[in-house]
Amino acid sequence: MRPKRIDNMAQEAEEAEDTDDAESVEGGEESDTRPVILFDGVCNLCNSFVNFVMDRDGGEFRFASIQSDVGAELMRDAGLSPEALETFVVVEGGTDADGNVYTKSTAALYVLRRLGLPYSLLYASIVVPSFIRDPFYDFVASRRYSWFGKRDECRVPDEETKDRFLS
């Protein structure tokens, strides 16, 4: 089943306040309910953003490269193409009917909001509709390799951060 897509971040913000994103117990097994950021693993800009988030989020997010098996599966489960490397994606609460999937500028604002001050102040731009925000996102995304470069291989997490990456 496909997740509902919410572009109304105000509604999502209220729902997020009511949920616990720490580990929960379901059926006797622990399951990690932290949101997952799916990113282009060879993109230097994308990897820099992942580093930026990891330095500031207190362990709130998990990560997966879109090119990885797990990342590609999450993309497909969310109804997105794993070949769609022009966006980064946030999957919150899984890819079932109860989960939320955010893309492009909405995903970026979701992440920044959860990083706290001063970054969360940028969330105020959510009042601008995504059909206006996303062309700016697309402009940068389409030029990210030429502006910031690209790696030959996907990022390999180090020992300190590997528990935050899905594999």
Foldseek 3Di string as FASTA:
>chain_A
DFEDEDLQVVVVVVVVVVDDQQWDADPNDIDHQAKEKEAAQFFPVRVVVVVVLVVQQPLRYFYEYLPDPVNQVQCVLNVHHSVCRLKMKIWGRGGPHHIYIDIFPSRVLVSQCNSDPPSVVVVVCSVPDCVVVRVVRSVCSVCRCVVPNTHPDGDDDDPVCPVRYDD
